[in-house]
Amino acid sequence: MISESIIFTRRPRRAPRIDLTALVDGVFNLLIFFAVTASFAGRQAGLAVKLPEAATAQQLKGHVIVGIAQEGVIRVDAKPVALDQVGPEVFRQSAGNRETQIVVRPDRTVSYERVVAVMDEIRLVGYHNLALAAVKKRGP
């Protein structure tokens, strides 16, 4: 019989690796999702306001939002403006269409006087289709 010897050689063992490609893809998709979601939320006049509740509240489309924050800051479609610039900014945002619905979103703690002053500035430039924003009441 022929004797043959077999020589076994050991290959160096590779260290185990975790492939992070799927994890990075998932995180990137979440980032895109939250960025897009935040852009839709930005349409709310850029103010964190606590709106009063109303049983007859409705969703509106095709409008300009004028927000008044608790500390009195006024924003027209997320752009901060001074009280005397509210009218011209509304005119610019609505492209001069005086039939555009103007939604005033005051925080529930803003003084009545401040809300009336903002609405007066809007009316002075010829807009009369005004609405006050509220959230729909929960429950019966």
N, C-alpha and C. Protein backbone atom coordinates (compact mmCIF):
# COMPACT_ATOMS: atom_id res chain seq x y z
N MET A 1 0.78 -1.15 0.00
CA MET A 1 0.00 0.00 0.00
C MET A 1 0.85 1.25 0.00
N ILE A 2 0.35 2.16 -0.66
CA ILE A 2 1.09 3.42 -0.77
C ILE A 2 0.63 4.31 0.37
N SER A 3 1.60 4.78 1.03
CA SER A 3 1.22 5.63 2.14
C SER A 3 1.41 7.09 1.72
N GLU A 4 0.37 7.77 1.81
CA GLU A 4 0.42 9.20 1.49
C GLU A 4 0.06 9.98 2.74
N SER A 5 0.75 11.00 2.91
CA SER A 5 0.41 11.80 4.08
C SER A 5 -0.31 13.07 3.62
N ILE A 6 -1.31 13.36 4.33
CA ILE A 6 -2.10 14.56 4.01
C ILE A 6 -1.73 15.62 5.03
N ILE A 7 -1.39 16.76 4.49
CA ILE A 7 -1.01 17.86 5.35
C ILE A 7 -2.16 18.88 5.36
N PHE A 8 -2.64 19.09 6.55
CA PHE A 8 -3.70 20.09 6.70
C PHE A 8 -3.08 21.41 7.14
N THR A 9 -3.47 22.45 6.44
CA THR A 9 -2.98 23.77 6.84
C THR A 9 -4.17 24.59 7.35
N ARG A 10 -3.92 25.30 8.37
CA ARG A 10 -4.98 26.15 8.93
C ARG A 10 -4.93 27.52 8.29
N ARG A 11 -6.10 27.92 7.88
CA ARG A 11 -6.21 29.28 7.39
C ARG A 11 -6.44 30.19 8.57
N PRO A 12 -5.90 31.39 8.47
CA PRO A 12 -6.18 32.31 9.59
C PRO A 12 -7.68 32.59 9.66
N ARG A 13 -8.20 32.58 10.84
CA ARG A 13 -9.62 32.80 11.03
C ARG A 13 -9.95 34.29 10.92
N ARG A 14 -10.99 34.61 10.14
CA ARG A 14 -11.40 36.01 10.02
C ARG A 14 -12.27 36.39 11.21
N ALA A 15 -12.07 37.59 11.66
CA ALA A 15 -12.87 38.08 12.78
C ALA A 15 -14.30 38.31 12.29
N PRO A 16 -15.30 37.95 13.09
CA PRO A 16 -16.69 38.18 12.67
C PRO A 16 -16.98 39.68 12.55
N ARG A 17 -17.79 40.02 11.55
CA ARG A 17 -18.17 41.41 11.31
C ARG A 17 -19.67 41.53 11.29
N ILE A 18 -20.13 42.67 11.71
CA ILE A 18 -21.56 42.96 11.60
C ILE A 18 -21.73 43.93 10.44
N ASP A 19 -22.58 43.54 9.50
CA ASP A 19 -22.82 44.39 8.35
C ASP A 19 -23.85 45.45 8.73
N LEU A 20 -23.48 46.71 8.69
CA LEU A 20 -24.33 47.81 9.13
C LEU A 20 -25.13 48.45 7.99
N THR A 21 -25.04 47.89 6.81
CA THR A 21 -25.71 48.50 5.66
C THR A 21 -27.22 48.61 5.88
N ALA A 22 -27.83 47.53 6.34
CA ALA A 22 -29.28 47.54 6.55
C ALA A 22 -29.66 48.54 7.65
N LEU A 23 -28.88 48.61 8.69
CA LEU A 23 -29.15 49.55 9.77
C LEU A 23 -29.07 51.00 9.29
N VAL A 24 -28.05 51.30 8.51
CA VAL A 24 -27.89 52.65 7.99
C VAL A 24 -29.04 53.00 7.06
N ASP A 25 -29.47 52.05 6.22
CA ASP A 25 -30.61 52.29 5.33
C ASP A 25 -31.88 52.58 6.13
N GLY A 26 -32.10 51.80 7.17
CA GLY A 26 -33.29 52.02 8.00
C GLY A 26 -33.28 53.37 8.68
N VAL A 27 -32.15 53.76 9.23
CA VAL A 27 -32.04 55.06 9.89
C VAL A 27 -32.23 56.19 8.88
N PHE A 28 -31.67 56.03 7.70
CA PHE A 28 -31.83 57.05 6.66
C PHE A 28 -33.29 57.21 6.25
N ASN A 29 -34.01 56.09 6.12
CA ASN A 29 -35.43 56.16 5.78
C ASN A 29 -36.23 56.85 6.89
N LEU A 30 -35.90 56.57 8.15
CA LEU A 30 -36.58 57.26 9.25
C LEU A 30 -36.29 58.76 9.22
N LEU A 31 -35.07 59.12 8.91
CA LEU A 31 -34.70 60.53 8.83
C LEU A 31 -35.52 61.24 7.76
N ILE A 32 -35.64 60.63 6.60
CA ILE A 32 -36.44 61.21 5.52
C ILE A 32 -37.91 61.33 5.94
N PHE A 33 -38.43 60.28 6.57
CA PHE A 33 -39.83 60.30 7.01
C PHE A 33 -40.09 61.46 7.96
N PHE A 34 -39.22 61.61 8.97
CA PHE A 34 -39.43 62.68 9.94
C PHE A 34 -39.21 64.07 9.34
N ALA A 35 -38.30 64.18 8.39
CA ALA A 35 -38.08 65.48 7.73
C ALA A 35 -39.31 65.88 6.92
N VAL A 36 -39.90 64.93 6.20
CA VAL A 36 -41.10 65.23 5.41
C VAL A 36 -42.28 65.54 6.33
N THR A 37 -42.42 64.77 7.40
CA THR A 37 -43.50 65.01 8.35
C THR A 37 -43.38 66.40 8.98
N ALA A 38 -42.16 66.78 9.32
CA ALA A 38 -41.94 68.09 9.93
C ALA A 38 -42.27 69.22 8.96
N SER A 39 -42.04 69.00 7.67
CA SER A 39 -42.35 70.05 6.69
C SER A 39 -43.86 70.26 6.58
N PHE A 40 -44.66 69.19 6.76
CA PHE A 40 -46.11 69.36 6.74
C PHE A 40 -46.57 70.08 8.00
N ALA A 41 -45.97 69.80 9.11
CA ALA A 41 -46.32 70.46 10.35
C ALA A 41 -45.94 71.93 10.31
N GLY A 42 -44.95 72.30 9.53
CA GLY A 42 -44.51 73.69 9.41
C GLY A 42 -45.55 74.60 8.81
N ARG A 43 -46.54 74.08 8.17
CA ARG A 43 -47.61 74.86 7.56
C ARG A 43 -48.52 75.48 8.62
N GLN A 44 -48.35 75.12 9.87
CA GLN A 44 -49.19 75.61 10.94
C GLN A 44 -48.72 76.95 11.48
N ALA A 45 -48.22 77.80 10.64
CA ALA A 45 -47.80 79.17 10.95
C ALA A 45 -46.56 79.23 11.81
N GLY A 46 -45.89 78.12 11.99
CA GLY A 46 -44.61 78.12 12.69
C GLY A 46 -44.67 78.48 14.16
N LEU A 47 -45.83 78.37 14.76
CA LEU A 47 -45.99 78.73 16.16
C LEU A 47 -46.56 77.56 16.94
N ALA A 48 -46.08 77.42 18.13
CA ALA A 48 -46.66 76.43 19.04
C ALA A 48 -47.74 77.14 19.85
N VAL A 49 -48.96 76.99 19.43
CA VAL A 49 -50.07 77.64 20.13
C VAL A 49 -51.04 76.59 20.62
N LYS A 50 -51.69 76.88 21.72
CA LYS A 50 -52.75 76.03 22.25
C LYS A 50 -54.06 76.67 21.84
N LEU A 51 -54.73 76.04 20.89
CA LEU A 51 -55.97 76.61 20.36
C LEU A 51 -57.14 76.27 21.26
N PRO A 52 -58.13 77.15 21.30
CA PRO A 52 -59.35 76.82 22.02
C PRO A 52 -60.11 75.73 21.27
N GLU A 53 -61.03 75.08 21.94
CA GLU A 53 -61.82 74.03 21.32
C GLU A 53 -63.17 74.56 20.89
N ALA A 54 -63.69 74.00 19.79
CA ALA A 54 -65.02 74.35 19.30
C ALA A 54 -65.67 73.12 18.69
N ALA A 55 -66.94 72.91 18.96
CA ALA A 55 -67.65 71.75 18.44
C ALA A 55 -67.83 71.83 16.93
N THR A 56 -67.81 73.03 16.36
CA THR A 56 -68.06 73.20 14.92
C THR A 56 -66.79 73.43 14.12
N ALA A 57 -65.61 73.14 14.69
CA ALA A 57 -64.33 73.35 13.98
C ALA A 57 -64.28 72.49 12.73
N GLN A 58 -63.73 73.06 11.63
CA GLN A 58 -63.63 72.37 10.35
C GLN A 58 -62.23 72.54 9.79
N GLN A 59 -61.84 71.61 8.89
CA GLN A 59 -60.55 71.69 8.21
C GLN A 59 -60.71 72.60 6.99
N LEU A 60 -59.79 73.56 6.81
CA LEU A 60 -59.85 74.48 5.68
C LEU A 60 -58.68 74.25 4.74
N LYS A 61 -58.87 74.58 3.46
CA LYS A 61 -57.79 74.48 2.47
C LYS A 61 -57.72 75.77 1.68
N GLY A 62 -56.53 76.09 1.14
CA GLY A 62 -56.36 77.28 0.32
C GLY A 62 -56.49 78.55 1.14
N HIS A 63 -55.66 78.69 2.13
CA HIS A 63 -55.79 79.83 3.03
C HIS A 63 -54.41 80.32 3.46
N VAL A 64 -54.40 81.48 4.09
CA VAL A 64 -53.18 82.05 4.68
C VAL A 64 -53.37 82.00 6.19
N ILE A 65 -52.34 81.52 6.88
CA ILE A 65 -52.43 81.39 8.34
C ILE A 65 -51.66 82.53 9.00
N VAL A 66 -52.34 83.22 9.91
CA VAL A 66 -51.70 84.28 10.70
C VAL A 66 -51.72 83.78 12.15
N GLY A 67 -50.54 83.47 12.68
CA GLY A 67 -50.44 82.96 14.04
C GLY A 67 -50.00 84.02 15.02
N ILE A 68 -50.56 83.94 16.22
CA ILE A 68 -50.16 84.86 17.30
C ILE A 68 -49.77 83.99 18.48
N ALA A 69 -48.49 84.02 18.85
CA ALA A 69 -47.99 83.20 19.94
C ALA A 69 -48.32 83.81 21.28
N GLN A 70 -48.12 83.02 22.32
CA GLN A 70 -48.42 83.44 23.69
C GLN A 70 -47.70 84.73 24.06
N GLU A 71 -46.46 84.86 23.60
CA GLU A 71 -45.69 86.06 23.94
C GLU A 71 -45.98 87.22 22.98
N GLY A 72 -46.95 87.07 22.07
CA GLY A 72 -47.36 88.15 21.19
C GLY A 72 -46.68 88.18 19.83
N VAL A 73 -45.79 87.22 19.55
CA VAL A 73 -45.11 87.16 18.26
C VAL A 73 -46.13 86.81 17.18
N ILE A 74 -46.08 87.57 16.07
CA ILE A 74 -47.02 87.36 14.96
C ILE A 74 -46.26 86.75 13.79
N ARG A 75 -46.84 85.71 13.18
CA ARG A 75 -46.24 85.09 11.99
C ARG A 75 -47.32 84.94 10.93
N VAL A 76 -46.94 85.26 9.69
CA VAL A 76 -47.82 85.05 8.55
C VAL A 76 -47.20 83.93 7.74
N ASP A 77 -47.87 82.77 7.72
CA ASP A 77 -47.34 81.56 7.08
C ASP A 77 -45.89 81.34 7.47
N ALA A 78 -45.63 81.30 8.76
CA ALA A 78 -44.33 80.99 9.38
C ALA A 78 -43.29 82.11 9.28
N LYS A 79 -43.63 83.23 8.68
CA LYS A 79 -42.69 84.35 8.59
C LYS A 79 -43.02 85.36 9.69
N PRO A 80 -42.07 85.64 10.59
CA PRO A 80 -42.34 86.61 11.65
C PRO A 80 -42.48 88.03 11.09
N VAL A 81 -43.50 88.74 11.56
CA VAL A 81 -43.74 90.11 11.09
C VAL A 81 -44.15 90.98 12.27
N ALA A 82 -43.98 92.27 12.10
CA ALA A 82 -44.46 93.25 13.08
C ALA A 82 -45.95 93.50 12.82
N LEU A 83 -46.62 94.03 13.80
CA LEU A 83 -48.06 94.27 13.68
C LEU A 83 -48.39 95.12 12.45
N ASP A 84 -47.62 96.18 12.19
CA ASP A 84 -47.92 97.04 11.05
C ASP A 84 -47.59 96.40 9.70
N GLN A 85 -46.92 95.26 9.69
CA GLN A 85 -46.58 94.56 8.44
C GLN A 85 -47.48 93.35 8.17
N VAL A 86 -48.44 93.09 9.04
CA VAL A 86 -49.32 91.93 8.86
C VAL A 86 -50.11 92.05 7.56
N GLY A 87 -50.74 93.20 7.33
CA GLY A 87 -51.55 93.40 6.12
C GLY A 87 -50.76 93.21 4.83
N PRO A 88 -49.64 93.92 4.66
CA PRO A 88 -48.86 93.74 3.43
C PRO A 88 -48.34 92.31 3.25
N GLU A 89 -47.99 91.62 4.34
CA GLU A 89 -47.50 90.25 4.22
C GLU A 89 -48.62 89.29 3.83
N VAL A 90 -49.81 89.51 4.37
CA VAL A 90 -50.97 88.70 3.97
C VAL A 90 -51.26 88.92 2.49
N PHE A 91 -51.19 90.16 2.05
CA PHE A 91 -51.40 90.48 0.63
C PHE A 91 -50.38 89.74 -0.23
N ARG A 92 -49.11 89.72 0.19
CA ARG A 92 -48.07 89.05 -0.57
C ARG A 92 -48.27 87.53 -0.58
N GLN A 93 -48.60 86.96 0.58
CA GLN A 93 -48.78 85.51 0.67
C GLN A 93 -49.99 85.02 -0.13
N SER A 94 -51.01 85.85 -0.25
CA SER A 94 -52.20 85.45 -0.99
C SER A 94 -52.14 85.88 -2.45
N ALA A 95 -51.01 86.43 -2.88
CA ALA A 95 -50.82 86.90 -4.26
C ALA A 95 -51.87 87.93 -4.64
N GLY A 96 -52.32 88.72 -3.67
CA GLY A 96 -53.26 89.80 -3.96
C GLY A 96 -54.71 89.36 -4.10
N ASN A 97 -54.99 88.08 -3.91
CA ASN A 97 -56.36 87.58 -4.03
C ASN A 97 -57.11 87.87 -2.73
N ARG A 98 -57.97 88.87 -2.74
CA ARG A 98 -58.68 89.27 -1.52
C ARG A 98 -59.81 88.33 -1.14
N GLU A 99 -60.06 87.30 -1.95
CA GLU A 99 -61.07 86.29 -1.63
C GLU A 99 -60.45 85.14 -0.84
N THR A 100 -59.15 85.18 -0.64
CA THR A 100 -58.46 84.11 0.09
C THR A 100 -58.92 84.08 1.54
N GLN A 101 -59.13 82.87 2.06
CA GLN A 101 -59.49 82.69 3.47
C GLN A 101 -58.27 82.99 4.32
N ILE A 102 -58.42 83.88 5.30
CA ILE A 102 -57.35 84.22 6.23
C ILE A 102 -57.72 83.61 7.58
N VAL A 103 -56.86 82.72 8.06
CA VAL A 103 -57.11 82.04 9.34
C VAL A 103 -56.20 82.64 10.40
N VAL A 104 -56.80 83.20 11.43
CA VAL A 104 -56.05 83.77 12.54
C VAL A 104 -55.98 82.70 13.63
N ARG A 105 -54.74 82.34 14.03
CA ARG A 105 -54.53 81.28 15.03
C ARG A 105 -53.90 81.87 16.28
N PRO A 106 -54.68 82.50 17.14
CA PRO A 106 -54.08 83.03 18.38
C PRO A 106 -53.99 81.94 19.44
N ASP A 107 -52.95 81.99 20.24
CA ASP A 107 -52.86 81.12 21.40
C ASP A 107 -54.01 81.49 22.34
N ARG A 108 -54.49 80.52 23.08
CA ARG A 108 -55.65 80.80 23.94
C ARG A 108 -55.36 81.81 25.04
N THR A 109 -54.08 82.08 25.29
CA THR A 109 -53.73 83.06 26.34
C THR A 109 -53.48 84.46 25.79
N VAL A 110 -53.53 84.64 24.48
CA VAL A 110 -53.30 85.95 23.87
C VAL A 110 -54.48 86.86 24.19
N SER A 111 -54.19 88.11 24.47
CA SER A 111 -55.27 89.04 24.82
C SER A 111 -56.20 89.28 23.63
N TYR A 112 -57.44 89.52 23.97
CA TYR A 112 -58.46 89.81 22.96
C TYR A 112 -58.06 91.05 22.16
N GLU A 113 -57.50 92.02 22.84
CA GLU A 113 -57.07 93.27 22.19
C GLU A 113 -56.04 92.99 21.09
N ARG A 114 -55.09 92.09 21.36
CA ARG A 114 -54.04 91.75 20.37
C ARG A 114 -54.68 91.07 19.16
N VAL A 115 -55.61 90.16 19.39
CA VAL A 115 -56.28 89.46 18.29
C VAL A 115 -57.05 90.45 17.42
N VAL A 116 -57.77 91.37 18.04
CA VAL A 116 -58.54 92.38 17.30
C VAL A 116 -57.61 93.28 16.50
N ALA A 117 -56.47 93.65 17.07
CA ALA A 117 -55.51 94.51 16.36
C ALA A 117 -54.98 93.81 15.11
N VAL A 118 -54.67 92.53 15.22
CA VAL A 118 -54.18 91.78 14.06
C VAL A 118 -55.27 91.67 13.00
N MET A 119 -56.49 91.34 13.41
CA MET A 119 -57.58 91.22 12.45
C MET A 119 -57.88 92.57 11.79
N ASP A 120 -57.74 93.65 12.53
CA ASP A 120 -57.96 94.99 11.97
C ASP A 120 -56.93 95.29 10.89
N GLU A 121 -55.68 94.93 11.15
CA GLU A 121 -54.63 95.15 10.14
C GLU A 121 -54.93 94.38 8.85
N ILE A 122 -55.49 93.19 8.98
CA ILE A 122 -55.83 92.38 7.81
C ILE A 122 -56.99 93.01 7.06
N ARG A 123 -57.98 93.48 7.78
CA ARG A 123 -59.14 94.11 7.13
C ARG A 123 -58.77 95.43 6.45
N LEU A 124 -57.78 96.14 6.99
CA LEU A 124 -57.38 97.42 6.40
C LEU A 124 -56.81 97.26 4.99
N VAL A 125 -56.29 96.09 4.65
CA VAL A 125 -55.78 95.89 3.28
C VAL A 125 -56.82 95.21 2.39
N GLY A 126 -58.07 95.07 2.88
CA GLY A 126 -59.16 94.62 2.02
C GLY A 126 -59.57 93.16 2.16
N TYR A 127 -59.12 92.46 3.17
CA TYR A 127 -59.52 91.07 3.37
C TYR A 127 -60.63 91.01 4.42
N HIS A 128 -61.74 90.35 4.04
CA HIS A 128 -62.87 90.27 4.96
C HIS A 128 -63.29 88.82 5.19
N ASN A 129 -62.63 87.89 4.53
CA ASN A 129 -62.93 86.47 4.69
C ASN A 129 -62.00 85.91 5.77
N LEU A 130 -62.29 86.25 7.03
CA LEU A 130 -61.44 85.88 8.16
C LEU A 130 -62.08 84.76 8.97
N ALA A 131 -61.22 83.93 9.53
CA ALA A 131 -61.69 82.86 10.43
C ALA A 131 -60.74 82.76 11.61
N LEU A 132 -61.27 82.39 12.76
CA LEU A 132 -60.46 82.14 13.93
C LEU A 132 -60.28 80.63 14.06
N ALA A 133 -59.04 80.19 14.25
CA ALA A 133 -58.75 78.76 14.34
C ALA A 133 -59.13 78.22 15.71
N ALA A 134 -59.58 76.98 15.72
CA ALA A 134 -59.89 76.27 16.96
C ALA A 134 -59.72 74.78 16.67
N VAL A 135 -59.62 74.00 17.71
CA VAL A 135 -59.58 72.55 17.55
C VAL A 135 -60.93 71.98 17.90
N LYS A 136 -61.28 70.86 17.28
CA LYS A 136 -62.57 70.23 17.50
C LYS A 136 -62.63 69.65 18.91
N LYS A 137 -63.75 69.93 19.59
CA LYS A 137 -63.95 69.41 20.95
C LYS A 137 -64.03 67.90 20.91
N ARG A 138 -63.46 67.29 21.94
CA ARG A 138 -63.54 65.84 22.06
C ARG A 138 -64.76 65.49 22.89
N GLY A 139 -65.30 64.34 22.61
CA GLY A 139 -66.43 63.87 23.41
C GLY A 139 -67.76 64.35 22.88
N PRO A 140 -68.83 64.08 23.64
CA PRO A 140 -70.19 64.44 23.18
C PRO A 140 -70.48 65.89 23.22
